Amino acid sequence: MIEFSATRRRLNEALSLLREERRLLLKGDIVALARFEVRRERLAERLPHLSREKLAAHQSLVERVRVSARRNARLLEAFLDGARAAETRLNACEKAAAELGAYRRDGSRIGVAHHGATTSRRA
């Protein structure tokens, strides 16, 4: 009976952890997700030690963990796709900003040196 409840406790802990991870993914809290990874890895190290018999006794709970893990994997992939898209957009904006300049009446470009952001200072 002790083994039964210990297995159930680990699976419930995994499910709880996956719920928390989902909340952080939806919130977009990158810092908390990074800290969260340590807890996730610790639990992941303990789960493989559960025997097939123990897992079979909790099949519905195991399936809930699997479904939650897959859902989070999809959320994480979407999160990463969004981050990559944002990076691409920022790079395009930086390139466009570097190409901005002054032009003569005939449309020819006047070379302008960019020295980064400037600050206006008044005495």
PDB file of N, CA and C in Angstrom:
ATOM      1  N   MET A   1       0.813  -1.194   0.000  1.00  0.00           N
ATOM      2  CA  MET A   1       0.000   0.000   0.000  1.00  0.00           C
ATOM      3  C   MET A   1       0.863   1.267   0.000  1.00  0.00           C
ATOM      4  N   ILE A   2       1.981   1.215   0.705  1.00  0.00           N
ATOM      5  CA  ILE A   2       2.878   2.371   0.744  1.00  0.00           C
ATOM      6  C   ILE A   2       3.413   2.660  -0.649  1.00  0.00           C
ATOM      7  N   GLU A   3       3.811   1.597  -1.381  1.00  0.00           N
ATOM      8  CA  GLU A   3       4.312   1.778  -2.745  1.00  0.00           C
ATOM      9  C   GLU A   3       3.247   2.412  -3.635  1.00  0.00           C
ATOM     10  N   PHE A   4       2.008   1.977  -3.452  1.00  0.00           N
ATOM     11  CA  PHE A   4       0.894   2.477  -4.236  1.00  0.00           C
ATOM     12  C   PHE A   4       0.731   3.983  -4.036  1.00  0.00           C
ATOM     13  N   SER A   5       0.713   4.415  -2.789  1.00  0.00           N
ATOM     14  CA  SER A   5       0.517   5.842  -2.521  1.00  0.00           C
ATOM     15  C   SER A   5       1.741   6.672  -2.910  1.00  0.00           C
ATOM     16  N   ALA A   6       2.943   6.097  -2.803  1.00  0.00           N
ATOM     17  CA  ALA A   6       4.152   6.824  -3.218  1.00  0.00           C
ATOM     18  C   ALA A   6       4.143   7.055  -4.726  1.00  0.00           C
ATOM     19  N   THR A   7       3.716   6.065  -5.473  1.00  0.00           N
ATOM     20  CA  THR A   7       3.629   6.201  -6.931  1.00  0.00           C
ATOM     21  C   THR A   7       2.595   7.253  -7.291  1.00  0.00           C
ATOM     22  N   ARG A   8       1.450   7.178  -6.646  1.00  0.00           N
ATOM     23  CA  ARG A   8       0.387   8.156  -6.895  1.00  0.00           C
ATOM     24  C   ARG A   8       0.861   9.567  -6.538  1.00  0.00           C
ATOM     25  N   ARG A   9       1.582   9.688  -5.439  1.00  0.00           N
ATOM     26  CA  ARG A   9       2.094  10.995  -5.017  1.00  0.00           C
ATOM     27  C   ARG A   9       3.060  11.559  -6.064  1.00  0.00           C
ATOM     28  N   ARG A  10       3.959  10.730  -6.594  1.00  0.00           N
ATOM     29  CA  ARG A  10       4.903  11.206  -7.625  1.00  0.00           C
ATOM     30  C   ARG A  10       4.171  11.643  -8.886  1.00  0.00           C
ATOM     31  N   LEU A  11       3.183  10.856  -9.289  1.00  0.00           N
ATOM     32  CA  LEU A  11       2.435  11.212 -10.496  1.00  0.00           C
ATOM     33  C   LEU A  11       1.631  12.496 -10.292  1.00  0.00           C
ATOM     34  N   ASN A  12       1.038  12.650  -9.134  1.00  0.00           N
ATOM     35  CA  ASN A  12       0.311  13.891  -8.835  1.00  0.00           C
ATOM     36  C   ASN A  12       1.266  15.077  -8.776  1.00  0.00           C
ATOM     37  N   GLU A  13       2.464  14.850  -8.251  1.00  0.00           N
ATOM     38  CA  GLU A  13       3.472  15.906  -8.222  1.00  0.00           C
ATOM     39  C   GLU A  13       3.854  16.306  -9.651  1.00  0.00           C
ATOM     40  N   ALA A  14       3.989  15.311 -10.531  1.00  0.00           N
ATOM     41  CA  ALA A  14       4.305  15.599 -11.933  1.00  0.00           C
ATOM     42  C   ALA A  14       3.185  16.398 -12.576  1.00  0.00           C
ATOM     43  N   LEU A  15       1.960  16.015 -12.317  1.00  0.00           N
ATOM     44  CA  LEU A  15       0.814  16.718 -12.881  1.00  0.00           C
ATOM     45  C   LEU A  15       0.749  18.157 -12.372  1.00  0.00           C
ATOM     46  N   SER A  16       1.003  18.339 -11.107  1.00  0.00           N
ATOM     47  CA  SER A  16       1.019  19.677 -10.520  1.00  0.00           C
ATOM     48  C   SER A  16       2.125  20.532 -11.137  1.00  0.00           C
ATOM     49  N   LEU A  17       3.285  19.931 -11.314  1.00  0.00           N
ATOM     50  CA  LEU A  17       4.416  20.626 -11.914  1.00  0.00           C
ATOM     51  C   LEU A  17       4.098  21.034 -13.353  1.00  0.00           C
ATOM     52  N   LEU A  18       3.448  20.148 -14.094  1.00  0.00           N
ATOM     53  CA  LEU A  18       3.077  20.451 -15.476  1.00  0.00           C
ATOM     54  C   LEU A  18       2.044  21.575 -15.536  1.00  0.00           C
ATOM     55  N   ARG A  19       1.138  21.608 -14.585  1.00  0.00           N
ATOM     56  CA  ARG A  19       0.167  22.712 -14.532  1.00  0.00           C
ATOM     57  C   ARG A  19       0.874  24.042 -14.294  1.00  0.00           C
ATOM     58  N   GLU A  20       1.833  24.027 -13.363  1.00  0.00           N
ATOM     59  CA  GLU A  20       2.593  25.243 -13.062  1.00  0.00           C
ATOM     60  C   GLU A  20       3.401  25.679 -14.287  1.00  0.00           C
ATOM     61  N   GLU A  21       4.014  24.720 -14.968  1.00  0.00           N
ATOM     62  CA  GLU A  21       4.783  25.044 -16.169  1.00  0.00           C
ATOM     63  C   GLU A  21       3.875  25.666 -17.231  1.00  0.00           C
ATOM     64  N   ARG A  22       2.681  25.130 -17.409  1.00  0.00           N
ATOM     65  CA  ARG A  22       1.730  25.671 -18.381  1.00  0.00           C
ATOM     66  C   ARG A  22       1.377  27.114 -18.032  1.00  0.00           C
ATOM     67  N   ARG A  23       1.130  27.359 -16.760  1.00  0.00           N
ATOM     68  CA  ARG A  23       0.796  28.719 -16.317  1.00  0.00           C
ATOM     69  C   ARG A  23       1.931  29.685 -16.658  1.00  0.00           C
ATOM     70  N   LEU A  24       3.171  29.259 -16.408  1.00  0.00           N
ATOM     71  CA  LEU A  24       4.322  30.120 -16.695  1.00  0.00           C
ATOM     72  C   LEU A  24       4.506  30.330 -18.191  1.00  0.00           C
ATOM     73  N   LEU A  25       4.262  29.284 -18.986  1.00  0.00           N
ATOM     74  CA  LEU A  25       4.368  29.416 -20.442  1.00  0.00           C
ATOM     75  C   LEU A  25       3.327  30.399 -20.976  1.00  0.00           C
ATOM     76  N   LEU A  26       2.105  30.268 -20.491  1.00  0.00           N
ATOM     77  CA  LEU A  26       1.044  31.173 -20.949  1.00  0.00           C
ATOM     78  C   LEU A  26       1.302  32.604 -20.506  1.00  0.00           C
ATOM     79  N   LYS A  27       1.913  32.749 -19.351  1.00  0.00           N
ATOM     80  CA  LYS A  27       2.246  34.074 -18.825  1.00  0.00           C
ATOM     81  C   LYS A  27       3.462  34.668 -19.545  1.00  0.00           C
ATOM     82  N   GLY A  28       4.311  33.789 -20.111  1.00  0.00           N
ATOM     83  CA  GLY A  28       5.517  34.247 -20.797  1.00  0.00           C
ATOM     84  C   GLY A  28       6.626  34.636 -19.836  1.00  0.00           C
ATOM     85  N   ASP A  29       6.611  34.066 -18.651  1.00  0.00           N
ATOM     86  CA  ASP A  29       7.594  34.400 -17.612  1.00  0.00           C
ATOM     87  C   ASP A  29       8.876  33.588 -17.809  1.00  0.00           C
ATOM     88  N   ILE A  30       9.776  34.112 -18.616  1.00  0.00           N
ATOM     89  CA  ILE A  30      11.005  33.415 -18.983  1.00  0.00           C
ATOM     90  C   ILE A  30      11.895  33.157 -17.770  1.00  0.00           C
ATOM     91  N   VAL A  31      12.017  34.132 -16.904  1.00  0.00           N
ATOM     92  CA  VAL A  31      12.874  34.004 -15.725  1.00  0.00           C
ATOM     93  C   VAL A  31      12.364  32.888 -14.818  1.00  0.00           C
ATOM     94  N   ALA A  32      11.064  32.885 -14.553  1.00  0.00           N
ATOM     95  CA  ALA A  32      10.492  31.838 -13.693  1.00  0.00           C
ATOM     96  C   ALA A  32      10.603  30.472 -14.351  1.00  0.00           C
ATOM     97  N   LEU A  33      10.460  30.404 -15.673  1.00  0.00           N
ATOM     98  CA  LEU A  33      10.604  29.126 -16.377  1.00  0.00           C
ATOM     99  C   LEU A  33      12.020  28.578 -16.234  1.00  0.00           C
ATOM    100  N   ALA A  34      12.998  29.449 -16.287  1.00  0.00           N
ATOM    101  CA  ALA A  34      14.391  29.019 -16.132  1.00  0.00           C
ATOM    102  C   ALA A  34      14.622  28.451 -14.734  1.00  0.00           C
ATOM    103  N   ARG A  35      14.098  29.109 -13.717  1.00  0.00           N
ATOM    104  CA  ARG A  35      14.233  28.603 -12.344  1.00  0.00           C
ATOM    105  C   ARG A  35      13.436  27.319 -12.157  1.00  0.00           C
ATOM    106  N   PHE A  36      12.329  27.231 -12.821  1.00  0.00           N
ATOM    107  CA  PHE A  36      11.427  26.085 -12.724  1.00  0.00           C
ATOM    108  C   PHE A  36      12.081  24.804 -13.244  1.00  0.00           C
ATOM    109  N   GLU A  37      12.976  24.948 -14.189  1.00  0.00           N
ATOM    110  CA  GLU A  37      13.610  23.798 -14.838  1.00  0.00           C
ATOM    111  C   GLU A  37      14.301  22.869 -13.841  1.00  0.00           C
ATOM    112  N   VAL A  38      14.885  23.407 -12.791  1.00  0.00           N
ATOM    113  CA  VAL A  38      15.570  22.594 -11.777  1.00  0.00           C
ATOM    114  C   VAL A  38      14.580  21.638 -11.111  1.00  0.00           C
ATOM    115  N   ARG A  39      13.427  22.150 -10.719  1.00  0.00           N
ATOM    116  CA  ARG A  39      12.395  21.304 -10.096  1.00  0.00           C
ATOM    117  C   ARG A  39      11.914  20.228 -11.055  1.00  0.00           C
ATOM    118  N   ARG A  40      11.757  20.616 -12.300  1.00  0.00           N
ATOM    119  CA  ARG A  40      11.279  19.677 -13.326  1.00  0.00           C
ATOM    120  C   ARG A  40      12.284  18.543 -13.538  1.00  0.00           C
ATOM    121  N   GLU A  41      13.545  18.882 -13.618  1.00  0.00           N
ATOM    122  CA  GLU A  41      14.584  17.866 -13.812  1.00  0.00           C
ATOM    123  C   GLU A  41      14.660  16.913 -12.625  1.00  0.00           C
ATOM    124  N   ARG A  42      14.534  17.457 -11.429  1.00  0.00           N
ATOM    125  CA  ARG A  42      14.561  16.616 -10.226  1.00  0.00           C
ATOM    126  C   ARG A  42      13.446  15.571 -10.254  1.00  0.00           C
ATOM    127  N   LEU A  43      12.269  16.012 -10.616  1.00  0.00           N
ATOM    128  CA  LEU A  43      11.140  15.084 -10.690  1.00  0.00           C
ATOM    129  C   LEU A  43      11.334  14.087 -11.836  1.00  0.00           C
ATOM    130  N   ALA A  44      11.826  14.569 -12.959  1.00  0.00           N
ATOM    131  CA  ALA A  44      12.040  13.692 -14.113  1.00  0.00           C
ATOM    132  C   ALA A  44      13.041  12.582 -13.803  1.00  0.00           C
ATOM    133  N   GLU A  45      13.989  12.842 -12.930  1.00  0.00           N
ATOM    134  CA  GLU A  45      14.960  11.811 -12.540  1.00  0.00           C
ATOM    135  C   GLU A  45      14.300  10.696 -11.739  1.00  0.00           C
ATOM    136  N   ARG A  46      13.250  11.028 -11.008  1.00  0.00           N
ATOM    137  CA  ARG A  46      12.597  10.029 -10.151  1.00  0.00           C
ATOM    138  C   ARG A  46      11.529   9.221 -10.880  1.00  0.00           C
ATOM    139  N   LEU A  47      10.907   9.781 -11.884  1.00  0.00           N
ATOM    140  CA  LEU A  47       9.807   9.088 -12.561  1.00  0.00           C
ATOM    141  C   LEU A  47      10.222   7.810 -13.291  1.00  0.00           C
ATOM    142  N   PRO A  48      11.345   7.765 -13.992  1.00  0.00           N
ATOM    143  CA  PRO A  48      11.693   6.533 -14.703  1.00  0.00           C
ATOM    144  C   PRO A  48      11.876   5.318 -13.787  1.00  0.00           C
ATOM    145  N   HIS A  49      12.050   5.535 -12.508  1.00  0.00           N
ATOM    146  CA  HIS A  49      12.271   4.431 -11.583  1.00  0.00           C
ATOM    147  C   HIS A  49      10.971   3.731 -11.193  1.00  0.00           C
ATOM    148  N   LEU A  50       9.853   4.225 -11.680  1.00  0.00           N
ATOM    149  CA  LEU A  50       8.575   3.584 -11.402  1.00  0.00           C
ATOM    150  C   LEU A  50       8.410   2.391 -12.337  1.00  0.00           C
ATOM    151  N   SER A  51       8.050   1.253 -11.781  1.00  0.00           N
ATOM    152  CA  SER A  51       7.902   0.040 -12.593  1.00  0.00           C
ATOM    153  C   SER A  51       6.628   0.104 -13.429  1.00  0.00           C
ATOM    154  N   ARG A  52       6.586  -0.743 -14.451  1.00  0.00           N
ATOM    155  CA  ARG A  52       5.402  -0.819 -15.312  1.00  0.00           C
ATOM    156  C   ARG A  52       4.162  -1.212 -14.506  1.00  0.00           C
ATOM    157  N   GLU A  53       4.364  -2.095 -13.547  1.00  0.00           N
ATOM    158  CA  GLU A  53       3.226  -2.535 -12.729  1.00  0.00           C
ATOM    159  C   GLU A  53       2.648  -1.364 -11.918  1.00  0.00           C
ATOM    160  N   LYS A  54       3.560  -0.569 -11.350  1.00  0.00           N
ATOM    161  CA  LYS A  54       3.104   0.582 -10.567  1.00  0.00           C
ATOM    162  C   LYS A  54       2.380   1.589 -11.461  1.00  0.00           C
ATOM    163  N   LEU A  55       2.917   1.796 -12.647  1.00  0.00           N
ATOM    164  CA  LEU A  55       2.292   2.751 -13.563  1.00  0.00           C
ATOM    165  C   LEU A  55       0.957   2.216 -14.073  1.00  0.00           C
ATOM    166  N   ALA A  56       0.881   0.916 -14.325  1.00  0.00           N
ATOM    167  CA  ALA A  56      -0.363   0.310 -14.815  1.00  0.00           C
ATOM    168  C   ALA A  56      -1.482   0.473 -13.796  1.00  0.00           C
ATOM    169  N   ALA A  57      -1.135   0.453 -12.526  1.00  0.00           N
ATOM    170  CA  ALA A  57      -2.140   0.609 -11.477  1.00  0.00           C
ATOM    171  C   ALA A  57      -2.723   2.022 -11.451  1.00  0.00           C
ATOM    172  N   HIS A  58      -2.041   2.955 -12.095  1.00  0.00           N
ATOM    173  CA  HIS A  58      -2.478   4.361 -12.111  1.00  0.00           C
ATOM    174  C   HIS A  58      -2.610   4.853 -13.549  1.00  0.00           C
ATOM    175  N   GLN A  59      -3.130   4.004 -14.410  1.00  0.00           N
ATOM    176  CA  GLN A  59      -3.151   4.304 -15.839  1.00  0.00           C
ATOM    177  C   GLN A  59      -3.830   5.637 -16.178  1.00  0.00           C
ATOM    178  N   SER A  60      -4.936   5.945 -15.552  1.00  0.00           N
ATOM    179  CA  SER A  60      -5.628   7.200 -15.888  1.00  0.00           C
ATOM    180  C   SER A  60      -4.791   8.412 -15.473  1.00  0.00           C
ATOM    181  N   LEU A  61      -4.113   8.314 -14.350  1.00  0.00           N
ATOM    182  CA  LEU A  61      -3.255   9.410 -13.895  1.00  0.00           C
ATOM    183  C   LEU A  61      -2.030   9.546 -14.804  1.00  0.00           C
ATOM    184  N   VAL A  62      -1.477   8.419 -15.213  1.00  0.00           N
ATOM    185  CA  VAL A  62      -0.334   8.425 -16.140  1.00  0.00           C
ATOM    186  C   VAL A  62      -0.743   9.089 -17.449  1.00  0.00           C
ATOM    187  N   GLU A  63      -1.937   8.774 -17.938  1.00  0.00           N
ATOM    188  CA  GLU A  63      -2.408   9.375 -19.187  1.00  0.00           C
ATOM    189  C   GLU A  63      -2.598  10.882 -19.044  1.00  0.00           C
ATOM    190  N   ARG A  64      -3.082  11.333 -17.908  1.00  0.00           N
ATOM    191  CA  ARG A  64      -3.221  12.776 -17.675  1.00  0.00           C
ATOM    192  C   ARG A  64      -1.859  13.465 -17.690  1.00  0.00           C
ATOM    193  N   VAL A  65      -0.854  12.814 -17.113  1.00  0.00           N
ATOM    194  CA  VAL A  65       0.513  13.368 -17.126  1.00  0.00           C
ATOM    195  C   VAL A  65       1.016  13.447 -18.566  1.00  0.00           C
ATOM    196  N   ARG A  66       0.812  12.386 -19.341  1.00  0.00           N
ATOM    197  CA  ARG A  66       1.253  12.377 -20.752  1.00  0.00           C
ATOM    198  C   ARG A  66       0.589  13.494 -21.554  1.00  0.00           C
ATOM    199  N   VAL A  67      -0.721  13.634 -21.401  1.00  0.00           N
ATOM    200  CA  VAL A  67      -1.464  14.661 -22.138  1.00  0.00           C
ATOM    201  C   VAL A  67      -0.957  16.052 -21.752  1.00  0.00           C
ATOM    202  N   SER A  68      -0.758  16.286 -20.476  1.00  0.00           N
ATOM    203  CA  SER A  68      -0.253  17.586 -20.010  1.00  0.00           C
ATOM    204  C   SER A  68       1.153  17.856 -20.534  1.00  0.00           C
ATOM    205  N   ALA A  69       1.998  16.837 -20.532  1.00  0.00           N
ATOM    206  CA  ALA A  69       3.372  17.005 -21.023  1.00  0.00           C
ATOM    207  C   ALA A  69       3.381  17.333 -22.513  1.00  0.00           C
ATOM    208  N   ARG A  70       2.537  16.651 -23.285  1.00  0.00           N
ATOM    209  CA  ARG A  70       2.463  16.942 -24.726  1.00  0.00           C
ATOM    210  C   ARG A  70       1.942  18.359 -24.975  1.00  0.00           C
ATOM    211  N   ARG A  71       0.925  18.743 -24.231  1.00  0.00           N
ATOM    212  CA  ARG A  71       0.361  20.094 -24.377  1.00  0.00           C
ATOM    213  C   ARG A  71       1.427  21.142 -24.074  1.00  0.00           C
ATOM    214  N   ASN A  72       2.176  20.935 -22.991  1.00  0.00           N
ATOM    215  CA  ASN A  72       3.227  21.884 -22.634  1.00  0.00           C
ATOM    216  C   ASN A  72       4.326  21.924 -23.685  1.00  0.00           C
ATOM    217  N   ALA A  73       4.637  20.765 -24.272  1.00  0.00           N
ATOM    218  CA  ALA A  73       5.655  20.729 -25.329  1.00  0.00           C
ATOM    219  C   ALA A  73       5.213  21.576 -26.516  1.00  0.00           C
ATOM    220  N   ARG A  74       3.915  21.490 -26.865  1.00  0.00           N
ATOM    221  CA  ARG A  74       3.397  22.315 -27.962  1.00  0.00           C
ATOM    222  C   ARG A  74       3.435  23.798 -27.598  1.00  0.00           C
ATOM    223  N   LEU A  75       3.077  24.114 -26.357  1.00  0.00           N
ATOM    224  CA  LEU A  75       3.133  25.507 -25.903  1.00  0.00           C
ATOM    225  C   LEU A  75       4.562  26.042 -25.934  1.00  0.00           C
ATOM    226  N   LEU A  76       5.494  25.216 -25.481  1.00  0.00           N
ATOM    227  CA  LEU A  76       6.899  25.636 -25.471  1.00  0.00           C
ATOM    228  C   LEU A  76       7.398  25.867 -26.894  1.00  0.00           C
ATOM    229  N   GLU A  77       7.017  24.997 -27.814  1.00  0.00           N
ATOM    230  CA  GLU A  77       7.421  25.177 -29.213  1.00  0.00           C
ATOM    231  C   GLU A  77       6.832  26.462 -29.784  1.00  0.00           C
ATOM    232  N   ALA A  78       5.577  26.744 -29.483  1.00  0.00           N
ATOM    233  CA  ALA A  78       4.952  27.990 -29.942  1.00  0.00           C
ATOM    234  C   ALA A  78       5.636  29.201 -29.307  1.00  0.00           C
ATOM    235  N   PHE A  79       5.984  29.073 -28.033  1.00  0.00           N
ATOM    236  CA  PHE A  79       6.700  30.129 -27.319  1.00  0.00           C
ATOM    237  C   PHE A  79       8.034  30.423 -28.018  1.00  0.00           C
ATOM    238  N   LEU A  80       8.773  29.358 -28.347  1.00  0.00           N
ATOM    239  CA  LEU A  80      10.063  29.514 -29.014  1.00  0.00           C
ATOM    240  C   LEU A  80       9.904  30.064 -30.428  1.00  0.00           C
ATOM    241  N   ASP A  81       8.857  29.621 -31.141  1.00  0.00           N
ATOM    242  CA  ASP A  81       8.595  30.164 -32.480  1.00  0.00           C
ATOM    243  C   ASP A  81       8.340  31.666 -32.396  1.00  0.00           C
ATOM    244  N   GLY A  82       7.566  32.073 -31.401  1.00  0.00           N
ATOM    245  CA  GLY A  82       7.300  33.502 -31.214  1.00  0.00           C
ATOM    246  C   GLY A  82       8.562  34.282 -30.896  1.00  0.00           C
ATOM    247  N   ALA A  83       9.428  33.710 -30.067  1.00  0.00           N
ATOM    248  CA  ALA A  83      10.682  34.381 -29.725  1.00  0.00           C
ATOM    249  C   ALA A  83      11.575  34.517 -30.962  1.00  0.00           C
ATOM    250  N   ARG A  84      11.612  33.460 -31.777  1.00  0.00           N
ATOM    251  CA  ARG A  84      12.415  33.530 -33.009  1.00  0.00           C
ATOM    252  C   ARG A  84      11.845  34.572 -33.979  1.00  0.00           C
ATOM    253  N   ALA A  85      10.523  34.628 -34.088  1.00  0.00           N
ATOM    254  CA  ALA A  85       9.883  35.617 -34.964  1.00  0.00           C
ATOM    255  C   ALA A  85      10.168  37.034 -34.471  1.00  0.00           C
ATOM    256  N   ALA A  86      10.124  37.226 -33.151  1.00  0.00           N
ATOM    257  CA  ALA A  86      10.425  38.549 -32.589  1.00  0.00           C
ATOM    258  C   ALA A  86      11.871  38.937 -32.860  1.00  0.00           C
ATOM    259  N   GLU A  87      12.773  37.976 -32.724  1.00  0.00           N
ATOM    260  CA  GLU A  87      14.181  38.254 -32.998  1.00  0.00           C
ATOM    261  C   GLU A  87      14.379  38.648 -34.461  1.00  0.00           C
ATOM    262  N   THR A  88      13.720  37.930 -35.375  1.00  0.00           N
ATOM    263  CA  THR A  88      13.807  38.246 -36.800  1.00  0.00           C
ATOM    264  C   THR A  88      13.282  39.650 -37.073  1.00  0.00           C
ATOM    265  N   ARG A  89      12.170  39.992 -36.454  1.00  0.00           N
ATOM    266  CA  ARG A  89      11.576  41.322 -36.647  1.00  0.00           C
ATOM    267  C   ARG A  89      12.478  42.421 -36.094  1.00  0.00           C
ATOM    268  N   LEU A  90      13.040  42.190 -34.908  1.00  0.00           N
ATOM    269  CA  LEU A  90      13.961  43.179 -34.333  1.00  0.00           C
ATOM    270  C   LEU A  90      15.186  43.386 -35.216  1.00  0.00           C
ATOM    271  N   ASN A  91      15.718  42.300 -35.742  1.00  0.00           N
ATOM    272  CA  ASN A  91      16.868  42.413 -36.643  1.00  0.00           C
ATOM    273  C   ASN A  91      16.510  43.222 -37.884  1.00  0.00           C
ATOM    274  N   ALA A  92      15.307  42.997 -38.427  1.00  0.00           N
ATOM    275  CA  ALA A  92      14.860  43.755 -39.602  1.00  0.00           C
ATOM    276  C   ALA A  92      14.711  45.236 -39.261  1.00  0.00           C
ATOM    277  N   CYS A  93      14.189  45.530 -38.079  1.00  0.00           N
ATOM    278  CA  CYS A  93      14.042  46.930 -37.654  1.00  0.00           C
ATOM    279  C   CYS A  93      15.407  47.592 -37.472  1.00  0.00           C
ATOM    280  N   GLU A  94      16.344  46.876 -36.878  1.00  0.00           N
ATOM    281  CA  GLU A  94      17.694  47.431 -36.699  1.00  0.00           C
ATOM    282  C   GLU A  94      18.363  47.696 -38.042  1.00  0.00           C
ATOM    283  N   LYS A  95      18.161  46.781 -39.001  1.00  0.00           N
ATOM    284  CA  LYS A  95      18.734  46.964 -40.327  1.00  0.00           C
ATOM    285  C   LYS A  95      18.115  48.178 -41.005  1.00  0.00           C
ATOM    286  N   ALA A  96      16.791  48.305 -40.891  1.00  0.00           N
ATOM    287  CA  ALA A  96      16.104  49.447 -41.502  1.00  0.00           C
ATOM    288  C   ALA A  96      16.559  50.750 -40.864  1.00  0.00           C
ATOM    289  N   ALA A  97      16.739  50.742 -39.546  1.00  0.00           N
ATOM    290  CA  ALA A  97      17.188  51.953 -38.855  1.00  0.00           C
ATOM    291  C   ALA A  97      18.592  52.332 -39.311  1.00  0.00           C
ATOM    292  N   ALA A  98      19.430  51.347 -39.555  1.00  0.00           N
ATOM    293  CA  ALA A  98      20.798  51.621 -40.009  1.00  0.00           C
ATOM    294  C   ALA A  98      20.805  52.199 -41.421  1.00  0.00           C
ATOM    295  N   GLU A  99      19.770  51.884 -42.195  1.00  0.00           N
ATOM    296  CA  GLU A  99      19.697  52.368 -43.574  1.00  0.00           C
ATOM    297  C   GLU A  99      19.017  53.733 -43.695  1.00  0.00           C
ATOM    298  N   LEU A 100      18.423  54.230 -42.606  1.00  0.00           N
ATOM    299  CA  LEU A 100      17.793  55.543 -42.650  1.00  0.00           C
ATOM    300  C   LEU A 100      18.863  56.603 -42.873  1.00  0.00           C
ATOM    301  N   GLY A 101      18.506  57.604 -43.552  1.00  0.00           N
ATOM    302  CA  GLY A 101      19.480  58.654 -43.794  1.00  0.00           C
ATOM    303  C   GLY A 101      18.813  59.911 -44.316  1.00  0.00           C
ATOM    304  N   ALA A 102      19.635  60.794 -44.750  1.00  0.00           N
ATOM    305  CA  ALA A 102      19.146  62.054 -45.315  1.00  0.00           C
ATOM    306  C   ALA A 102      19.329  61.987 -46.831  1.00  0.00           C
ATOM    307  N   TYR A 103      18.456  62.687 -47.543  1.00  0.00           N
ATOM    308  CA  TYR A 103      18.485  62.632 -49.003  1.00  0.00           C
ATOM    309  C   TYR A 103      18.453  64.054 -49.584  1.00  0.00           C
ATOM    310  N   ARG A 104      19.073  64.213 -50.721  1.00  0.00           N
ATOM    311  CA  ARG A 104      19.059  65.489 -51.447  1.00  0.00           C
ATOM    312  C   ARG A 104      17.760  65.596 -52.250  1.00  0.00           C
ATOM    313  N   ARG A 105      17.535  66.766 -52.817  1.00  0.00           N
ATOM    314  CA  ARG A 105      16.331  66.963 -53.624  1.00  0.00           C
ATOM    315  C   ARG A 105      16.255  65.995 -54.800  1.00  0.00           C
ATOM    316  N   ASP A 106      17.402  65.629 -55.329  1.00  0.00           N
ATOM    317  CA  ASP A 106      17.398  64.722 -56.489  1.00  0.00           C
ATOM    318  C   ASP A 106      17.228  63.251 -56.069  1.00  0.00           C
ATOM    319  N   GLY A 107      17.110  62.988 -54.759  1.00  0.00           N
ATOM    320  CA  GLY A 107      16.895  61.619 -54.267  1.00  0.00           C
ATOM    321  C   GLY A 107      18.161  60.882 -53.913  1.00  0.00           C
ATOM    322  N   SER A 108      19.308  61.493 -54.175  1.00  0.00           N
ATOM    323  CA  SER A 108      20.558  60.814 -53.826  1.00  0.00           C
ATOM    324  C   SER A 108      20.766  60.895 -52.308  1.00  0.00           C
ATOM    325  N   ARG A 109      21.378  59.887 -51.800  1.00  0.00           N
ATOM    326  CA  ARG A 109      21.562  59.766 -50.352  1.00  0.00           C
ATOM    327  C   ARG A 109      22.765  60.582 -49.873  1.00  0.00           C
ATOM    328  N   ILE A 110      22.592  61.204 -48.724  1.00  0.00           N
ATOM    329  CA  ILE A 110      23.689  61.909 -48.073  1.00  0.00           C
ATOM    330  C   ILE A 110      24.192  60.967 -46.988  1.00  0.00           C
ATOM    331  N   GLY A 111      25.463  60.673 -47.006  1.00  0.00           N
ATOM    332  CA  GLY A 111      26.033  59.771 -46.005  1.00  0.00           C
ATOM    333  C   GLY A 111      25.926  60.350 -44.608  1.00  0.00           C
ATOM    334  N   VAL A 112      25.394  59.581 -43.685  1.00  0.00           N
ATOM    335  CA  VAL A 112      25.260  60.017 -42.304  1.00  0.00           C
ATOM    336  C   VAL A 112      25.933  58.969 -41.435  1.00  0.00           C
ATOM    337  N   ALA A 113      26.830  59.412 -40.602  1.00  0.00           N
ATOM    338  CA  ALA A 113      27.503  58.484 -39.686  1.00  0.00           C
ATOM    339  C   ALA A 113      26.614  58.245 -38.478  1.00  0.00           C
ATOM    340  N   HIS A 114      26.447  56.964 -38.125  1.00  0.00           N
ATOM    341  CA  HIS A 114      25.665  56.608 -36.936  1.00  0.00           C
ATOM    342  C   HIS A 114      26.624  56.297 -35.808  1.00  0.00           C
ATOM    343  N   HIS A 115      26.478  57.007 -34.730  1.00  0.00           N
ATOM    344  CA  HIS A 115      27.332  56.789 -33.568  1.00  0.00           C
ATOM    345  C   HIS A 115      26.528  56.246 -32.391  1.00  0.00           C
ATOM    346  N   GLY A 116      25.422  55.611 -32.678  1.00  0.00           N
ATOM    347  CA  GLY A 116      24.581  55.097 -31.591  1.00  0.00           C
ATOM    348  C   GLY A 116      23.655  56.173 -31.082  1.00  0.00           C
ATOM    349  N   ALA A 117      23.008  55.884 -30.004  1.00  0.00           N
ATOM    350  CA  ALA A 117      22.067  56.837 -29.416  1.00  0.00           C
ATOM    351  C   ALA A 117      22.794  58.027 -28.854  1.00  0.00           C
ATOM    352  N   THR A 118      22.213  59.185 -29.052  1.00  0.00           N
ATOM    353  CA  THR A 118      22.811  60.408 -28.494  1.00  0.00           C
ATOM    354  C   THR A 118      21.873  60.966 -27.445  1.00  0.00           C
ATOM    355  N   THR A 119      22.461  61.699 -26.558  1.00  0.00           N
ATOM    356  CA  THR A 119      21.671  62.305 -25.494  1.00  0.00           C
ATOM    357  C   THR A 119      21.806  63.805 -25.619  1.00  0.00           C
ATOM    358  N   SER A 120      20.690  64.487 -25.535  1.00  0.00           N
ATOM    359  CA  SER A 120      20.712  65.937 -25.589  1.00  0.00           C
ATOM    360  C   SER A 120      21.036  66.438 -24.192  1.00  0.00           C
ATOM    361  N   ARG A 121      22.058  67.283 -24.098  1.00  0.00           N
ATOM    362  CA  ARG A 121      22.451  67.829 -22.785  1.00  0.00           C
ATOM    363  C   ARG A 121      22.384  69.350 -22.865  1.00  0.00           C
ATOM    364  N   ARG A 122      21.744  69.941 -21.876  1.00  0.00           N
ATOM    365  CA  ARG A 122      21.652  71.395 -21.827  1.00  0.00           C
ATOM    366  C   ARG A 122      22.373  71.885 -20.588  1.00  0.00           C
ATOM    367  N   ALA A 123      23.012  73.019 -20.724  1.00  0.00           N
ATOM    368  CA  ALA A 123      23.767  73.575 -19.607  1.00  0.00           C
ATOM    369  C   ALA A 123      22.859  74.258 -18.630  1.00  0.00           C
TER     370      ALA A 123
END
